[in-house]
Amino acid sequence: MAKSGAQKNTKNKAKHAKLMARKKNKLRQEKENRKARLKELTAKMNTQKEN
């Protein structure tokens, strides 16, 4: 039988999903920043190597 009354677990699930999305976005952003920094550094090293 279905329960009557307020939903039991929706607020906690929504909060958890929000936090996990924030964590994933943070990790993705850090990865992109690291990749961009390395790309910039390799370009700088290549120009120094050419000179």
Protein backbone atom coordinates (compact mmCIF):
# COMPACT_ATOMS: atom_id res chain seq x y z
CA MET A 1 0.00 0.00 0.00
CA ALA A 2 1.13 3.52 -0.74
CA LYS A 3 1.78 5.81 2.16
CA SER A 4 -0.49 8.76 2.68
CA GLY A 5 0.86 12.13 3.78
CA ALA A 6 4.12 13.91 3.04
CA GLN A 7 6.78 12.41 0.82
CA LYS A 8 9.40 10.70 2.92
CA ASN A 9 12.76 11.20 1.29
CA THR A 10 12.51 13.78 -1.50
CA LYS A 11 14.15 16.74 0.27
CA ASN A 12 17.22 14.74 1.25
CA LYS A 13 17.53 13.24 -2.24
CA ALA A 14 17.27 16.68 -3.85
CA LYS A 15 19.93 18.08 -1.51
CA HIS A 16 22.22 15.14 -2.16
CA ALA A 17 21.79 15.41 -5.92
CA LYS A 18 22.57 19.12 -5.75
CA LEU A 19 25.72 18.54 -3.72
CA MET A 20 26.92 15.72 -5.96
CA ALA A 21 26.33 17.86 -9.06
CA ARG A 22 28.33 20.65 -7.45
CA LYS A 23 31.15 18.22 -6.67
CA LYS A 24 31.20 16.84 -10.23
CA ASN A 25 31.22 20.35 -11.69
CA LYS A 26 34.07 21.36 -9.39
CA LEU A 27 36.14 18.34 -10.42
CA ARG A 28 35.40 18.95 -14.09
CA GLN A 29 36.41 22.61 -13.75
CA GLU A 30 39.65 21.70 -11.96
CA LYS A 31 40.46 19.18 -14.67
CA GLU A 32 39.87 21.77 -17.41
CA ASN A 33 41.97 24.35 -15.57
CA ARG A 34 44.81 21.87 -15.12
CA LYS A 35 44.64 20.93 -18.80
CA ALA A 36 44.68 24.58 -19.88
CA ARG A 37 47.62 25.35 -17.59
CA LEU A 38 49.60 22.41 -18.99
CA LYS A 39 48.78 23.42 -22.55
CA GLU A 40 49.96 26.96 -21.83
CA LEU A 41 53.13 25.67 -20.20
CA THR A 42 53.96 23.34 -23.08
CA ALA A 43 53.43 26.17 -25.57
CA LYS A 44 55.77 28.37 -23.53
CA MET A 45 58.41 25.62 -23.37
CA ASN A 46 58.16 25.03 -27.12
CA THR A 47 58.70 28.73 -27.86
CA GLN A 48 61.71 28.77 -25.53
CA LYS A 49 63.08 25.65 -27.19
CA GLU A 50 62.79 27.27 -30.64
CA ASN A 51 64.75 30.34 -29.49
